[in-house]
Amino acid sequence: MKLFLMIVLAISSVILIASVLLQSGNSSGLSGSIAGGAEQLFGKKKSKGYEAILAKITAGAAILFVILSVVLVTME
């Protein structure tokens, strides 16, 4: 059981790394960070398409990674 969970943890970590690296950057430089925060606040974020799918995959992989990490630590 522990070996299976460790394999799933490794797969989820690879998926998490790949999904983060495939996402495009939100801003460029200091001026972009100020404008990027305002765009997120006022709902200019894209809700469809490639970015949304990657965001959902990233969130799912991160949640799975954290849960599996906690479970494996408590199994000791």
C-alpha atoms as a PDB file:
ATOM      1  CA  MET A   1       0.000   0.000   0.000  1.00  0.00           C
ATOM      2  CA  LYS A   2       2.779   2.380   0.932  1.00  0.00           C
ATOM      3  CA  LEU A   3       4.632   1.650  -2.321  1.00  0.00           C
ATOM      4  CA  PHE A   4       1.485   2.363  -4.333  1.00  0.00           C
ATOM      5  CA  LEU A   5       0.971   5.696  -2.558  1.00  0.00           C
ATOM      6  CA  MET A   6       4.599   6.633  -3.168  1.00  0.00           C
ATOM      7  CA  ILE A   7       4.214   5.897  -6.891  1.00  0.00           C
ATOM      8  CA  VAL A   8       1.046   8.005  -7.061  1.00  0.00           C
ATOM      9  CA  LEU A   9       2.882  10.784  -5.176  1.00  0.00           C
ATOM     10  CA  ALA A  10       5.721  10.708  -7.714  1.00  0.00           C
ATOM     11  CA  ILE A  11       3.269  10.845 -10.629  1.00  0.00           C
ATOM     12  CA  SER A  12       1.345  13.730  -9.068  1.00  0.00           C
ATOM     13  CA  SER A  13       4.563  15.654  -8.469  1.00  0.00           C
ATOM     14  CA  VAL A  14       5.607  15.250 -12.107  1.00  0.00           C
ATOM     15  CA  ILE A  15       2.150  16.411 -13.241  1.00  0.00           C
ATOM     16  CA  LEU A  16       2.340  19.373 -10.856  1.00  0.00           C
ATOM     17  CA  ILE A  17       5.768  20.417 -12.125  1.00  0.00           C
ATOM     18  CA  ALA A  18       4.734  20.069 -15.775  1.00  0.00           C
ATOM     19  CA  SER A  19       1.494  22.002 -15.347  1.00  0.00           C
ATOM     20  CA  VAL A  20       3.240  24.875 -13.584  1.00  0.00           C
ATOM     21  CA  LEU A  21       5.937  25.063 -16.249  1.00  0.00           C
ATOM     22  CA  LEU A  22       3.405  25.030 -19.092  1.00  0.00           C
ATOM     23  CA  GLN A  23       1.438  27.989 -17.731  1.00  0.00           C
ATOM     24  CA  SER A  24       2.141  31.400 -19.201  1.00  0.00           C
ATOM     25  CA  GLY A  25       3.428  34.201 -17.018  1.00  0.00           C
ATOM     26  CA  ASN A  26       0.937  36.732 -15.702  1.00  0.00           C
ATOM     27  CA  SER A  27       3.081  39.829 -15.968  1.00  0.00           C
ATOM     28  CA  SER A  28       6.437  41.241 -16.900  1.00  0.00           C
ATOM     29  CA  GLY A  29       8.258  43.388 -14.401  1.00  0.00           C
ATOM     30  CA  LEU A  30       7.054  45.620 -11.602  1.00  0.00           C
ATOM     31  CA  SER A  31       4.491  47.546 -13.644  1.00  0.00           C
ATOM     32  CA  GLY A  32       2.960  44.292 -14.840  1.00  0.00           C
ATOM     33  CA  SER A  33       2.575  43.026 -11.291  1.00  0.00           C
ATOM     34  CA  ILE A  34       0.549  46.078 -10.312  1.00  0.00           C
ATOM     35  CA  ALA A  35      -1.656  45.830 -13.390  1.00  0.00           C
ATOM     36  CA  GLY A  36      -1.900  42.054 -13.051  1.00  0.00           C
ATOM     37  CA  GLY A  37      -3.348  42.359  -9.579  1.00  0.00           C
ATOM     38  CA  ALA A  38      -5.961  44.817 -10.791  1.00  0.00           C
ATOM     39  CA  GLU A  39      -6.901  42.570 -13.702  1.00  0.00           C
ATOM     40  CA  GLN A  40      -7.434  39.625 -11.370  1.00  0.00           C
ATOM     41  CA  LEU A  41      -9.448  41.758  -8.974  1.00  0.00           C
ATOM     42  CA  PHE A  42     -11.820  43.065 -11.631  1.00  0.00           C
ATOM     43  CA  GLY A  43     -12.395  39.732 -13.355  1.00  0.00           C
ATOM     44  CA  LYS A  44     -10.355  40.051 -16.519  1.00  0.00           C
ATOM     45  CA  LYS A  45      -9.058  36.522 -16.032  1.00  0.00           C
ATOM     46  CA  LYS A  46      -9.759  34.029 -18.798  1.00  0.00           C
ATOM     47  CA  SER A  47     -12.261  31.432 -17.661  1.00  0.00           C
ATOM     48  CA  LYS A  48     -12.105  29.215 -20.748  1.00  0.00           C
ATOM     49  CA  GLY A  49      -9.380  27.646 -22.769  1.00  0.00           C
ATOM     50  CA  TYR A  50      -5.919  26.337 -22.238  1.00  0.00           C
ATOM     51  CA  GLU A  51      -5.056  28.453 -19.196  1.00  0.00           C
ATOM     52  CA  ALA A  52      -8.178  27.406 -17.321  1.00  0.00           C
ATOM     53  CA  ILE A  53      -7.524  23.721 -17.940  1.00  0.00           C
ATOM     54  CA  LEU A  54      -3.933  24.056 -16.758  1.00  0.00           C
ATOM     55  CA  ALA A  55      -5.062  25.951 -13.663  1.00  0.00           C
ATOM     56  CA  LYS A  56      -7.505  23.166 -12.762  1.00  0.00           C
ATOM     57  CA  ILE A  57      -4.882  20.480 -13.368  1.00  0.00           C
ATOM     58  CA  THR A  58      -2.390  22.394 -11.215  1.00  0.00           C
ATOM     59  CA  ALA A  59      -4.869  22.791  -8.370  1.00  0.00           C
ATOM     60  CA  GLY A  60      -5.861  19.127  -8.489  1.00  0.00           C
ATOM     61  CA  ALA A  61      -2.276  17.901  -8.581  1.00  0.00           C
ATOM     62  CA  ALA A  62      -1.313  20.218  -5.703  1.00  0.00           C
ATOM     63  CA  ILE A  63      -4.210  19.008  -3.542  1.00  0.00           C
ATOM     64  CA  LEU A  64      -3.380  15.373  -4.331  1.00  0.00           C
ATOM     65  CA  PHE A  65       0.303  15.982  -3.577  1.00  0.00           C
ATOM     66  CA  VAL A  66      -0.405  17.527  -0.170  1.00  0.00           C
ATOM     67  CA  ILE A  67      -2.914  14.861   0.842  1.00  0.00           C
ATOM     68  CA  LEU A  68      -0.631  12.008  -0.200  1.00  0.00           C
ATOM     69  CA  SER A  69       2.329  13.601   1.575  1.00  0.00           C
ATOM     70  CA  VAL A  70       0.385  13.878   4.831  1.00  0.00           C
ATOM     71  CA  VAL A  71      -0.929  10.328   4.517  1.00  0.00           C
ATOM     72  CA  LEU A  72       2.533   8.905   3.869  1.00  0.00           C
ATOM     73  CA  VAL A  73       4.028  10.770   6.824  1.00  0.00           C
ATOM     74  CA  THR A  74       1.313   9.548   9.173  1.00  0.00           C
ATOM     75  CA  MET A  75       1.729   5.926   7.996  1.00  0.00           C
ATOM     76  CA  GLU A  76       5.165   5.669   9.645  1.00  0.00           C
END
